[in-house]
Amino acid sequence: MITYIFAILCVIGIAIGQILFKTSASALSQSGSFFAIKPLTYLISALILYAITTVAWVWVLQKVELGRVYPLMALAFVLVPVGSYFFLGERFNYQYFFGVVLIMLGIILTVRS
């Protein structure tokens, strides 16, 4: 059970990393330079988070078969747009919710098999 919790934490880390990458890109377009403090801080934070997540994911893969745990990565397709809505003010339409339902059903189906 703890392994699956770590796997979900990895997915959350990846989603946060994507939001940090987008924040870095936005700060880059404002400053015009990767070496400005704001885009560089966001970029380095995202890379560090990805490094930690990668090490944790390798630990997860020591404990569980890849085919059993990898479907959880699809949660990133749900978490990233939701996070972008709350933290970046991005919008999405009602079709997105239909897609989220399909993704969640797929995750439930594959993890329980």
PDB file of N, CA and C in Angstrom:
ATOM      1  N   MET A   1       0.812  -1.195   0.000  1.00  0.00           N
ATOM      2  CA  MET A   1       0.000   0.000   0.000  1.00  0.00           C
ATOM      3  C   MET A   1       0.859   1.264   0.000  1.00  0.00           C
ATOM      4  N   ILE A   2       1.940   1.262   0.781  1.00  0.00           N
ATOM      5  CA  ILE A   2       2.828   2.424   0.844  1.00  0.00           C
ATOM      6  C   ILE A   2       3.457   2.694  -0.524  1.00  0.00           C
ATOM      7  N   THR A   3       3.680   1.627  -1.273  1.00  0.00           N
ATOM      8  CA  THR A   3       4.261   1.783  -2.605  1.00  0.00           C
ATOM      9  C   THR A   3       3.326   2.561  -3.515  1.00  0.00           C
ATOM     10  N   TYR A   4       2.043   2.277  -3.436  1.00  0.00           N
ATOM     11  CA  TYR A   4       1.073   2.997  -4.259  1.00  0.00           C
ATOM     12  C   TYR A   4       0.938   4.453  -3.818  1.00  0.00           C
ATOM     13  N   ILE A   5       1.093   4.696  -2.540  1.00  0.00           N
ATOM     14  CA  ILE A   5       1.072   6.084  -2.055  1.00  0.00           C
ATOM     15  C   ILE A   5       2.260   6.844  -2.639  1.00  0.00           C
ATOM     16  N   PHE A   6       3.433   6.205  -2.652  1.00  0.00           N
ATOM     17  CA  PHE A   6       4.602   6.843  -3.255  1.00  0.00           C
ATOM     18  C   PHE A   6       4.398   7.052  -4.757  1.00  0.00           C
ATOM     19  N   ALA A   7       3.765   6.105  -5.412  1.00  0.00           N
ATOM     20  CA  ALA A   7       3.500   6.250  -6.845  1.00  0.00           C
ATOM     21  C   ALA A   7       2.594   7.453  -7.102  1.00  0.00           C
ATOM     22  N   ILE A   8       1.581   7.615  -6.281  1.00  0.00           N
ATOM     23  CA  ILE A   8       0.679   8.767  -6.430  1.00  0.00           C
ATOM     24  C   ILE A   8       1.418  10.064  -6.117  1.00  0.00           C
ATOM     25  N   LEU A   9       2.293  10.043  -5.126  1.00  0.00           N
ATOM     26  CA  LEU A   9       3.105  11.222  -4.833  1.00  0.00           C
ATOM     27  C   LEU A   9       4.018  11.571  -6.009  1.00  0.00           C
ATOM     28  N   CYS A  10       4.512  10.561  -6.711  1.00  0.00           N
ATOM     29  CA  CYS A  10       5.312  10.808  -7.912  1.00  0.00           C
ATOM     30  C   CYS A  10       4.489  11.518  -8.977  1.00  0.00           C
ATOM     31  N   VAL A  11       3.272  11.080  -9.168  1.00  0.00           N
ATOM     32  CA  VAL A  11       2.389  11.711 -10.154  1.00  0.00           C
ATOM     33  C   VAL A  11       2.100  13.154  -9.753  1.00  0.00           C
ATOM     34  N   ILE A  12       1.851  13.381  -8.486  1.00  0.00           N
ATOM     35  CA  ILE A  12       1.605  14.743  -8.007  1.00  0.00           C
ATOM     36  C   ILE A  12       2.852  15.604  -8.222  1.00  0.00           C
ATOM     37  N   GLY A  13       4.019  15.037  -7.954  1.00  0.00           N
ATOM     38  CA  GLY A  13       5.277  15.759  -8.190  1.00  0.00           C
ATOM     39  C   GLY A  13       5.464  16.123  -9.647  1.00  0.00           C
ATOM     40  N   ILE A  14       5.126  15.210 -10.532  1.00  0.00           N
ATOM     41  CA  ILE A  14       5.228  15.485 -11.972  1.00  0.00           C
ATOM     42  C   ILE A  14       4.265  16.599 -12.368  1.00  0.00           C
ATOM     43  N   ALA A  15       3.053  16.559 -11.829  1.00  0.00           N
ATOM     44  CA  ALA A  15       2.064  17.598 -12.147  1.00  0.00           C
ATOM     45  C   ALA A  15       2.531  18.971 -11.648  1.00  0.00           C
ATOM     46  N   ILE A  16       3.055  19.019 -10.439  1.00  0.00           N
ATOM     47  CA  ILE A  16       3.573  20.283  -9.914  1.00  0.00           C
ATOM     48  C   ILE A  16       4.753  20.757 -10.760  1.00  0.00           C
ATOM     49  N   GLY A  17       5.596  19.816 -11.164  1.00  0.00           N
ATOM     50  CA  GLY A  17       6.726  20.165 -12.024  1.00  0.00           C
ATOM     51  C   GLY A  17       6.280  20.786 -13.338  1.00  0.00           C
ATOM     52  N   GLN A  18       5.223  20.264 -13.928  1.00  0.00           N
ATOM     53  CA  GLN A  18       4.706  20.832 -15.170  1.00  0.00           C
ATOM     54  C   GLN A  18       4.209  22.258 -14.961  1.00  0.00           C
ATOM     55  N   ILE A  19       3.556  22.499 -13.841  1.00  0.00           N
ATOM     56  CA  ILE A  19       3.082  23.850 -13.545  1.00  0.00           C
ATOM     57  C   ILE A  19       4.275  24.786 -13.319  1.00  0.00           C
ATOM     58  N   LEU A  20       5.313  24.285 -12.675  1.00  0.00           N
ATOM     59  CA  LEU A  20       6.527  25.089 -12.506  1.00  0.00           C
ATOM     60  C   LEU A  20       7.197  25.383 -13.844  1.00  0.00           C
ATOM     61  N   PHE A  21       7.212  24.404 -14.752  1.00  0.00           N
ATOM     62  CA  PHE A  21       7.774  24.643 -16.089  1.00  0.00           C
ATOM     63  C   PHE A  21       6.998  25.742 -16.806  1.00  0.00           C
ATOM     64  N   LYS A  22       5.676  25.697 -16.724  1.00  0.00           N
ATOM     65  CA  LYS A  22       4.850  26.715 -17.361  1.00  0.00           C
ATOM     66  C   LYS A  22       5.091  28.075 -16.713  1.00  0.00           C
ATOM     67  N   THR A  23       5.210  28.111 -15.398  1.00  0.00           N
ATOM     68  CA  THR A  23       5.495  29.364 -14.693  1.00  0.00           C
ATOM     69  C   THR A  23       6.854  29.911 -15.110  1.00  0.00           C
ATOM     70  N   SER A  24       7.820  29.027 -15.270  1.00  0.00           N
ATOM     71  CA  SER A  24       9.140  29.434 -15.746  1.00  0.00           C
ATOM     72  C   SER A  24       9.057  30.019 -17.150  1.00  0.00           C
ATOM     73  N   ALA A  25       8.284  29.380 -18.017  1.00  0.00           N
ATOM     74  CA  ALA A  25       8.127  29.873 -19.387  1.00  0.00           C
ATOM     75  C   ALA A  25       7.464  31.245 -19.407  1.00  0.00           C
ATOM     76  N   SER A  26       6.473  31.442 -18.565  1.00  0.00           N
ATOM     77  CA  SER A  26       5.807  32.744 -18.484  1.00  0.00           C
ATOM     78  C   SER A  26       6.764  33.813 -17.973  1.00  0.00           C
ATOM     79  N   ALA A  27       7.542  33.472 -16.942  1.00  0.00           N
ATOM     80  CA  ALA A  27       8.518  34.423 -16.407  1.00  0.00           C
ATOM     81  C   ALA A  27       9.608  34.717 -17.438  1.00  0.00           C
ATOM     82  N   LEU A  28       9.966  33.718 -18.229  1.00  0.00           N
ATOM     83  CA  LEU A  28      10.962  33.914 -19.282  1.00  0.00           C
ATOM     84  C   LEU A  28      10.461  34.890 -20.337  1.00  0.00           C
ATOM     85  N   SER A  29       9.194  34.759 -20.723  1.00  0.00           N
ATOM     86  CA  SER A  29       8.666  35.669 -21.741  1.00  0.00           C
ATOM     87  C   SER A  29       8.589  37.102 -21.219  1.00  0.00           C
ATOM     88  N   GLN A  30       8.429  37.267 -19.911  1.00  0.00           N
ATOM     89  CA  GLN A  30       8.412  38.617 -19.325  1.00  0.00           C
ATOM     90  C   GLN A  30       9.814  39.212 -19.221  1.00  0.00           C
ATOM     91  N   SER A  31      10.763  38.380 -18.816  1.00  0.00           N
ATOM     92  CA  SER A  31      12.115  38.891 -18.590  1.00  0.00           C
ATOM     93  C   SER A  31      12.980  38.851 -19.839  1.00  0.00           C
ATOM     94  N   GLY A  32      12.727  37.867 -20.703  1.00  0.00           N
ATOM     95  CA  GLY A  32      13.529  37.734 -21.917  1.00  0.00           C
ATOM     96  C   GLY A  32      14.841  36.996 -21.732  1.00  0.00           C
ATOM     97  N   SER A  33      15.111  36.499 -20.526  1.00  0.00           N
ATOM     98  CA  SER A  33      16.377  35.813 -20.279  1.00  0.00           C
ATOM     99  C   SER A  33      16.186  34.667 -19.287  1.00  0.00           C
ATOM    100  N   PHE A  34      16.797  33.521 -19.616  1.00  0.00           N
ATOM    101  CA  PHE A  34      16.787  32.395 -18.685  1.00  0.00           C
ATOM    102  C   PHE A  34      17.570  32.726 -17.413  1.00  0.00           C
ATOM    103  N   PHE A  35      18.475  33.682 -17.519  1.00  0.00           N
ATOM    104  CA  PHE A  35      19.347  33.984 -16.392  1.00  0.00           C
ATOM    105  C   PHE A  35      18.748  35.004 -15.426  1.00  0.00           C
ATOM    106  N   ALA A  36      17.551  35.497 -15.734  1.00  0.00           N
ATOM    107  CA  ALA A  36      16.840  36.331 -14.771  1.00  0.00           C
ATOM    108  C   ALA A  36      16.424  35.436 -13.603  1.00  0.00           C
ATOM    109  N   ILE A  37      16.343  36.009 -12.442  1.00  0.00           N
ATOM    110  CA  ILE A  37      16.132  35.214 -11.227  1.00  0.00           C
ATOM    111  C   ILE A  37      14.806  34.453 -11.229  1.00  0.00           C
ATOM    112  N   LYS A  38      13.739  35.084 -11.697  1.00  0.00           N
ATOM    113  CA  LYS A  38      12.419  34.447 -11.634  1.00  0.00           C
ATOM    114  C   LYS A  38      12.325  33.190 -12.511  1.00  0.00           C
ATOM    115  N   PRO A  39      12.615  33.285 -13.820  1.00  0.00           N
ATOM    116  CA  PRO A  39      12.498  32.051 -14.623  1.00  0.00           C
ATOM    117  C   PRO A  39      13.494  30.978 -14.199  1.00  0.00           C
ATOM    118  N   LEU A  40      14.682  31.403 -13.803  1.00  0.00           N
ATOM    119  CA  LEU A  40      15.697  30.434 -13.392  1.00  0.00           C
ATOM    120  C   LEU A  40      15.292  29.716 -12.111  1.00  0.00           C
ATOM    121  N   THR A  41      14.694  30.429 -11.180  1.00  0.00           N
ATOM    122  CA  THR A  41      14.243  29.822  -9.925  1.00  0.00           C
ATOM    123  C   THR A  41      13.156  28.785 -10.182  1.00  0.00           C
ATOM    124  N   TYR A  42      12.172  29.152 -11.015  1.00  0.00           N
ATOM    125  CA  TYR A  42      11.103  28.200 -11.331  1.00  0.00           C
ATOM    126  C   TYR A  42      11.640  26.987 -12.084  1.00  0.00           C
ATOM    127  N   LEU A  43      12.544  27.232 -13.017  1.00  0.00           N
ATOM    128  CA  LEU A  43      13.100  26.140 -13.811  1.00  0.00           C
ATOM    129  C   LEU A  43      13.907  25.182 -12.944  1.00  0.00           C
ATOM    130  N   ILE A  44      14.770  25.718 -12.110  1.00  0.00           N
ATOM    131  CA  ILE A  44      15.587  24.856 -11.241  1.00  0.00           C
ATOM    132  C   ILE A  44      14.708  24.105 -10.251  1.00  0.00           C
ATOM    133  N   SER A  45      13.679  24.759  -9.735  1.00  0.00           N
ATOM    134  CA  SER A  45      12.751  24.087  -8.814  1.00  0.00           C
ATOM    135  C   SER A  45      12.068  22.909  -9.500  1.00  0.00           C
ATOM    136  N   ALA A  46      11.628  23.115 -10.738  1.00  0.00           N
ATOM    137  CA  ALA A  46      10.978  22.040 -11.486  1.00  0.00           C
ATOM    138  C   ALA A  46      11.946  20.890 -11.737  1.00  0.00           C
ATOM    139  N   LEU A  47      13.174  21.209 -12.098  1.00  0.00           N
ATOM    140  CA  LEU A  47      14.162  20.161 -12.368  1.00  0.00           C
ATOM    141  C   LEU A  47      14.512  19.374 -11.111  1.00  0.00           C
ATOM    142  N   ILE A  48      14.638  20.051  -9.985  1.00  0.00           N
ATOM    143  CA  ILE A  48      14.912  19.367  -8.724  1.00  0.00           C
ATOM    144  C   ILE A  48      13.742  18.458  -8.352  1.00  0.00           C
ATOM    145  N   LEU A  49      12.535  18.969  -8.506  1.00  0.00           N
ATOM    146  CA  LEU A  49      11.353  18.153  -8.214  1.00  0.00           C
ATOM    147  C   LEU A  49      11.299  16.931  -9.123  1.00  0.00           C
ATOM    148  N   TYR A  50      11.614  17.110 -10.402  1.00  0.00           N
ATOM    149  CA  TYR A  50      11.642  15.969 -11.327  1.00  0.00           C
ATOM    150  C   TYR A  50      12.724  14.970 -10.927  1.00  0.00           C
ATOM    151  N   ALA A  51      13.868  15.435 -10.463  1.00  0.00           N
ATOM    152  CA  ALA A  51      14.939  14.521 -10.033  1.00  0.00           C
ATOM    153  C   ALA A  51      14.492  13.696  -8.827  1.00  0.00           C
ATOM    154  N   ILE A  52      13.883  14.363  -7.854  1.00  0.00           N
ATOM    155  CA  ILE A  52      13.387  13.652  -6.665  1.00  0.00           C
ATOM    156  C   ILE A  52      12.307  12.654  -7.057  1.00  0.00           C
ATOM    157  N   THR A  53      11.408  13.079  -7.923  1.00  0.00           N
ATOM    158  CA  THR A  53      10.319  12.207  -8.375  1.00  0.00           C
ATOM    159  C   THR A  53      10.872  10.997  -9.121  1.00  0.00           C
ATOM    160  N   THR A  54      11.904  11.200  -9.924  1.00  0.00           N
ATOM    161  CA  THR A  54      12.505  10.090 -10.673  1.00  0.00           C
ATOM    162  C   THR A  54      13.109   9.056  -9.733  1.00  0.00           C
ATOM    163  N   VAL A  55      13.813   9.507  -8.722  1.00  0.00           N
ATOM    164  CA  VAL A  55      14.406   8.572  -7.748  1.00  0.00           C
ATOM    165  C   VAL A  55      13.300   7.817  -7.012  1.00  0.00           C
ATOM    166  N   ALA A  56      12.259   8.520  -6.614  1.00  0.00           N
ATOM    167  CA  ALA A  56      11.136   7.868  -5.934  1.00  0.00           C
ATOM    168  C   ALA A  56      10.460   6.854  -6.853  1.00  0.00           C
ATOM    169  N   TRP A  57      10.317   7.196  -8.143  1.00  0.00           N
ATOM    170  CA  TRP A  57       9.678   6.291  -9.101  1.00  0.00           C
ATOM    171  C   TRP A  57      10.509   5.016  -9.273  1.00  0.00           C
ATOM    172  N   VAL A  58      11.821   5.140  -9.290  1.00  0.00           N
ATOM    173  CA  VAL A  58      12.682   3.954  -9.380  1.00  0.00           C
ATOM    174  C   VAL A  58      12.471   3.067  -8.155  1.00  0.00           C
ATOM    175  N   TRP A  59      12.333   3.674  -6.979  1.00  0.00           N
ATOM    176  CA  TRP A  59      12.043   2.902  -5.769  1.00  0.00           C
ATOM    177  C   TRP A  59      10.714   2.168  -5.903  1.00  0.00           C
ATOM    178  N   VAL A  60       9.705   2.868  -6.416  1.00  0.00           N
ATOM    179  CA  VAL A  60       8.391   2.247  -6.618  1.00  0.00           C
ATOM    180  C   VAL A  60       8.525   1.041  -7.541  1.00  0.00           C
ATOM    181  N   LEU A  61       9.290   1.196  -8.610  1.00  0.00           N
ATOM    182  CA  LEU A  61       9.431   0.117  -9.592  1.00  0.00           C
ATOM    183  C   LEU A  61      10.198  -1.085  -9.043  1.00  0.00           C
ATOM    184  N   GLN A  62      10.944  -0.888  -7.967  1.00  0.00           N
ATOM    185  CA  GLN A  62      11.579  -2.025  -7.300  1.00  0.00           C
ATOM    186  C   GLN A  62      10.538  -2.896  -6.613  1.00  0.00           C
ATOM    187  N   LYS A  63       9.444  -2.285  -6.215  1.00  0.00           N
ATOM    188  CA  LYS A  63       8.451  -2.977  -5.398  1.00  0.00           C
ATOM    189  C   LYS A  63       7.257  -3.522  -6.180  1.00  0.00           C
ATOM    190  N   VAL A  64       6.937  -2.884  -7.315  1.00  0.00           N
ATOM    191  CA  VAL A  64       5.716  -3.217  -8.048  1.00  0.00           C
ATOM    192  C   VAL A  64       6.048  -3.371  -9.525  1.00  0.00           C
ATOM    193  N   GLU A  65       5.327  -4.247 -10.184  1.00  0.00           N
ATOM    194  CA  GLU A  65       5.498  -4.402 -11.630  1.00  0.00           C
ATOM    195  C   GLU A  65       5.091  -3.112 -12.341  1.00  0.00           C
ATOM    196  N   LEU A  66       5.834  -2.769 -13.367  1.00  0.00           N
ATOM    197  CA  LEU A  66       5.577  -1.540 -14.118  1.00  0.00           C
ATOM    198  C   LEU A  66       4.157  -1.507 -14.670  1.00  0.00           C
ATOM    199  N   GLY A  67       3.697  -2.617 -15.193  1.00  0.00           N
ATOM    200  CA  GLY A  67       2.358  -2.684 -15.770  1.00  0.00           C
ATOM    201  C   GLY A  67       1.244  -2.473 -14.758  1.00  0.00           C
ATOM    202  N   ARG A  68       1.532  -2.722 -13.486  1.00  0.00           N
ATOM    203  CA  ARG A  68       0.525  -2.537 -12.430  1.00  0.00           C
ATOM    204  C   ARG A  68       0.449  -1.083 -11.953  1.00  0.00           C
ATOM    205  N   VAL A  69       1.572  -0.391 -11.960  1.00  0.00           N
ATOM    206  CA  VAL A  69       1.609   0.944 -11.375  1.00  0.00           C
ATOM    207  C   VAL A  69       1.604   2.063 -12.427  1.00  0.00           C
ATOM    208  N   TYR A  70       2.042   1.771 -13.644  1.00  0.00           N
ATOM    209  CA  TYR A  70       2.148   2.825 -14.649  1.00  0.00           C
ATOM    210  C   TYR A  70       0.818   3.493 -15.002  1.00  0.00           C
ATOM    211  N   PRO A  71      -0.302   2.786 -14.994  1.00  0.00           N
ATOM    212  CA  PRO A  71      -1.570   3.469 -15.278  1.00  0.00           C
ATOM    213  C   PRO A  71      -1.850   4.666 -14.359  1.00  0.00           C
ATOM    214  N   LEU A  72      -1.262   4.667 -13.173  1.00  0.00           N
ATOM    215  CA  LEU A  72      -1.446   5.811 -12.280  1.00  0.00           C
ATOM    216  C   LEU A  72      -0.866   7.094 -12.865  1.00  0.00           C
ATOM    217  N   MET A  73       0.106   6.965 -13.771  1.00  0.00           N
ATOM    218  CA  MET A  73       0.685   8.145 -14.414  1.00  0.00           C
ATOM    219  C   MET A  73      -0.365   8.925 -15.200  1.00  0.00           C
ATOM    220  N   ALA A  74      -1.428   8.263 -15.606  1.00  0.00           N
ATOM    221  CA  ALA A  74      -2.498   8.955 -16.336  1.00  0.00           C
ATOM    222  C   ALA A  74      -3.182  10.002 -15.465  1.00  0.00           C
ATOM    223  N   LEU A  75      -3.020   9.899 -14.161  1.00  0.00           N
ATOM    224  CA  LEU A  75      -3.571  10.921 -13.275  1.00  0.00           C
ATOM    225  C   LEU A  75      -2.975  12.299 -13.561  1.00  0.00           C
ATOM    226  N   ALA A  76      -1.778  12.322 -14.119  1.00  0.00           N
ATOM    227  CA  ALA A  76      -1.158  13.605 -14.473  1.00  0.00           C
ATOM    228  C   ALA A  76      -2.004  14.344 -15.508  1.00  0.00           C
ATOM    229  N   PHE A  77      -2.694  13.606 -16.386  1.00  0.00           N
ATOM    230  CA  PHE A  77      -3.554  14.235 -17.388  1.00  0.00           C
ATOM    231  C   PHE A  77      -4.765  14.900 -16.740  1.00  0.00           C
ATOM    232  N   VAL A  78      -5.047  14.537 -15.514  1.00  0.00           N
ATOM    233  CA  VAL A  78      -6.135  15.161 -14.760  1.00  0.00           C
ATOM    234  C   VAL A  78      -5.580  16.300 -13.898  1.00  0.00           C
ATOM    235  N   LEU A  79      -4.482  16.022 -13.195  1.00  0.00           N
ATOM    236  CA  LEU A  79      -3.957  16.972 -12.222  1.00  0.00           C
ATOM    237  C   LEU A  79      -3.360  18.230 -12.854  1.00  0.00           C
ATOM    238  N   VAL A  80      -2.681  18.083 -13.990  1.00  0.00           N
ATOM    239  CA  VAL A  80      -2.036  19.247 -14.602  1.00  0.00           C
ATOM    240  C   VAL A  80      -3.059  20.293 -15.051  1.00  0.00           C
ATOM    241  N   PRO A  81      -4.102  19.925 -15.804  1.00  0.00           N
ATOM    242  CA  PRO A  81      -5.085  20.951 -16.155  1.00  0.00           C
ATOM    243  C   PRO A  81      -5.832  21.530 -14.953  1.00  0.00           C
ATOM    244  N   VAL A  82      -6.122  20.699 -13.958  1.00  0.00           N
ATOM    245  CA  VAL A  82      -6.786  21.219 -12.756  1.00  0.00           C
ATOM    246  C   VAL A  82      -5.857  22.212 -12.048  1.00  0.00           C
ATOM    247  N   GLY A  83      -4.600  21.843 -11.917  1.00  0.00           N
ATOM    248  CA  GLY A  83      -3.623  22.762 -11.315  1.00  0.00           C
ATOM    249  C   GLY A  83      -3.442  24.031 -12.119  1.00  0.00           C
ATOM    250  N   SER A  84      -3.451  23.907 -13.442  1.00  0.00           N
ATOM    251  CA  SER A  84      -3.300  25.101 -14.277  1.00  0.00           C
ATOM    252  C   SER A  84      -4.521  26.010 -14.154  1.00  0.00           C
ATOM    253  N   TYR A  85      -5.659  25.432 -13.892  1.00  0.00           N
ATOM    254  CA  TYR A  85      -6.870  26.219 -13.678  1.00  0.00           C
ATOM    255  C   TYR A  85      -6.753  27.036 -12.382  1.00  0.00           C
ATOM    256  N   PHE A  86      -6.334  26.364 -11.299  1.00  0.00           N
ATOM    257  CA  PHE A  86      -6.280  27.025 -10.000  1.00  0.00           C
ATOM    258  C   PHE A  86      -5.074  27.953  -9.835  1.00  0.00           C
ATOM    259  N   PHE A  87      -3.916  27.568 -10.375  1.00  0.00           N
ATOM    260  CA  PHE A  87      -2.701  28.334 -10.128  1.00  0.00           C
ATOM    261  C   PHE A  87      -2.322  29.286 -11.257  1.00  0.00           C
ATOM    262  N   LEU A  88      -2.763  28.978 -12.475  1.00  0.00           N
ATOM    263  CA  LEU A  88      -2.379  29.815 -13.612  1.00  0.00           C
ATOM    264  C   LEU A  88      -3.560  30.539 -14.247  1.00  0.00           C
ATOM    265  N   GLY A  89      -4.757  30.222 -13.777  1.00  0.00           N
ATOM    266  CA  GLY A  89      -5.937  30.880 -14.323  1.00  0.00           C
ATOM    267  C   GLY A  89      -6.335  30.406 -15.705  1.00  0.00           C
ATOM    268  N   GLU A  90      -5.822  29.249 -16.133  1.00  0.00           N
ATOM    269  CA  GLU A  90      -6.187  28.709 -17.435  1.00  0.00           C
ATOM    270  C   GLU A  90      -7.601  28.136 -17.374  1.00  0.00           C
ATOM    271  N   ARG A  91      -8.248  28.112 -18.496  1.00  0.00           N
ATOM    272  CA  ARG A  91      -9.633  27.624 -18.589  1.00  0.00           C
ATOM    273  C   ARG A  91      -9.692  26.377 -19.462  1.00  0.00           C
ATOM    274  N   PHE A  92     -10.688  25.554 -19.218  1.00  0.00           N
ATOM    275  CA  PHE A  92     -10.969  24.415 -20.081  1.00  0.00           C
ATOM    276  C   PHE A  92     -12.476  24.245 -20.185  1.00  0.00           C
ATOM    277  N   ASN A  93     -12.920  23.518 -21.212  1.00  0.00           N
ATOM    278  CA  ASN A  93     -14.358  23.421 -21.477  1.00  0.00           C
ATOM    279  C   ASN A  93     -14.945  22.126 -20.909  1.00  0.00           C
ATOM    280  N   TYR A  94     -16.221  21.948 -21.150  1.00  0.00           N
ATOM    281  CA  TYR A  94     -16.933  20.792 -20.592  1.00  0.00           C
ATOM    282  C   TYR A  94     -16.456  19.464 -21.176  1.00  0.00           C
ATOM    283  N   GLN A  95     -15.912  19.476 -22.372  1.00  0.00           N
ATOM    284  CA  GLN A  95     -15.377  18.239 -22.953  1.00  0.00           C
ATOM    285  C   GLN A  95     -14.247  17.686 -22.100  1.00  0.00           C
ATOM    286  N   TYR A  96     -13.529  18.583 -21.452  1.00  0.00           N
ATOM    287  CA  TYR A  96     -12.448  18.156 -20.581  1.00  0.00           C
ATOM    288  C   TYR A  96     -12.975  17.242 -19.473  1.00  0.00           C
ATOM    289  N   PHE A  97     -14.101  17.611 -18.875  1.00  0.00           N
ATOM    290  CA  PHE A  97     -14.658  16.797 -17.789  1.00  0.00           C
ATOM    291  C   PHE A  97     -15.042  15.404 -18.275  1.00  0.00           C
ATOM    292  N   PHE A  98     -15.559  15.303 -19.489  1.00  0.00           N
ATOM    293  CA  PHE A  98     -15.876  13.998 -20.071  1.00  0.00           C
ATOM    294  C   PHE A  98     -14.595  13.175 -20.217  1.00  0.00           C
ATOM    295  N   GLY A  99     -13.544  13.810 -20.687  1.00  0.00           N
ATOM    296  CA  GLY A  99     -12.258  13.126 -20.811  1.00  0.00           C
ATOM    297  C   GLY A  99     -11.703  12.681 -19.476  1.00  0.00           C
ATOM    298  N   VAL A 100     -11.856  13.512 -18.463  1.00  0.00           N
ATOM    299  CA  VAL A 100     -11.396  13.161 -17.112  1.00  0.00           C
ATOM    300  C   VAL A 100     -12.117  11.923 -16.602  1.00  0.00           C
ATOM    301  N   VAL A 101     -13.415  11.868 -16.822  1.00  0.00           N
ATOM    302  CA  VAL A 101     -14.193  10.699 -16.395  1.00  0.00           C
ATOM    303  C   VAL A 101     -13.673   9.441 -17.093  1.00  0.00           C
ATOM    304  N   LEU A 102     -13.415   9.536 -18.386  1.00  0.00           N
ATOM    305  CA  LEU A 102     -12.890   8.376 -19.124  1.00  0.00           C
ATOM    306  C   LEU A 102     -11.517   7.958 -18.606  1.00  0.00           C
ATOM    307  N   ILE A 103     -10.666   8.943 -18.336  1.00  0.00           N
ATOM    308  CA  ILE A 103      -9.333   8.632 -17.808  1.00  0.00           C
ATOM    309  C   ILE A 103      -9.449   7.952 -16.444  1.00  0.00           C
ATOM    310  N   MET A 104     -10.277   8.485 -15.572  1.00  0.00           N
ATOM    311  CA  MET A 104     -10.431   7.909 -14.236  1.00  0.00           C
ATOM    312  C   MET A 104     -10.988   6.488 -14.309  1.00  0.00           C
ATOM    313  N   LEU A 105     -11.970   6.264 -15.181  1.00  0.00           N
ATOM    314  CA  LEU A 105     -12.501   4.904 -15.358  1.00  0.00           C
ATOM    315  C   LEU A 105     -11.414   3.962 -15.870  1.00  0.00           C
ATOM    316  N   GLY A 106     -10.598   4.443 -16.788  1.00  0.00           N
ATOM    317  CA  GLY A 106      -9.506   3.626 -17.310  1.00  0.00           C
ATOM    318  C   GLY A 106      -8.482   3.283 -16.242  1.00  0.00           C
ATOM    319  N   ILE A 107      -8.158   4.253 -15.404  1.00  0.00           N
ATOM    320  CA  ILE A 107      -7.207   4.007 -14.318  1.00  0.00           C
ATOM    321  C   ILE A 107      -7.773   2.969 -13.341  1.00  0.00           C
ATOM    322  N   ILE A 108      -9.014   3.142 -12.950  1.00  0.00           N
ATOM    323  CA  ILE A 108      -9.650   2.195 -12.023  1.00  0.00           C
ATOM    324  C   ILE A 108      -9.668   0.801 -12.625  1.00  0.00           C
ATOM    325  N   LEU A 109     -10.060   0.709 -13.885  1.00  0.00           N
ATOM    326  CA  LEU A 109     -10.128  -0.585 -14.549  1.00  0.00           C
ATOM    327  C   LEU A 109      -8.779  -1.271 -14.625  1.00  0.00           C
ATOM    328  N   THR A 110      -7.726  -0.531 -14.995  1.00  0.00           N
ATOM    329  CA  THR A 110      -6.414  -1.162 -15.153  1.00  0.00           C
ATOM    330  C   THR A 110      -5.755  -1.484 -13.820  1.00  0.00           C
ATOM    331  N   VAL A 111      -5.929  -0.654 -12.819  1.00  0.00           N
ATOM    332  CA  VAL A 111      -5.304  -0.927 -11.529  1.00  0.00           C
ATOM    333  C   VAL A 111      -5.957  -2.119 -10.835  1.00  0.00           C
ATOM    334  N   ARG A 112      -7.253  -2.288 -11.034  1.00  0.00           N
ATOM    335  CA  ARG A 112      -7.965  -3.409 -10.399  1.00  0.00           C
ATOM    336  C   ARG A 112      -7.802  -4.732 -11.132  1.00  0.00           C
ATOM    337  N   SER A 113      -7.280  -4.685 -12.337  1.00  0.00           N
ATOM    338  CA  SER A 113      -7.175  -5.948 -13.100  1.00  0.00           C
ATOM    339  C   SER A 113      -6.032  -6.812 -12.635  1.00  0.00           C
TER     340      SER A 113
END
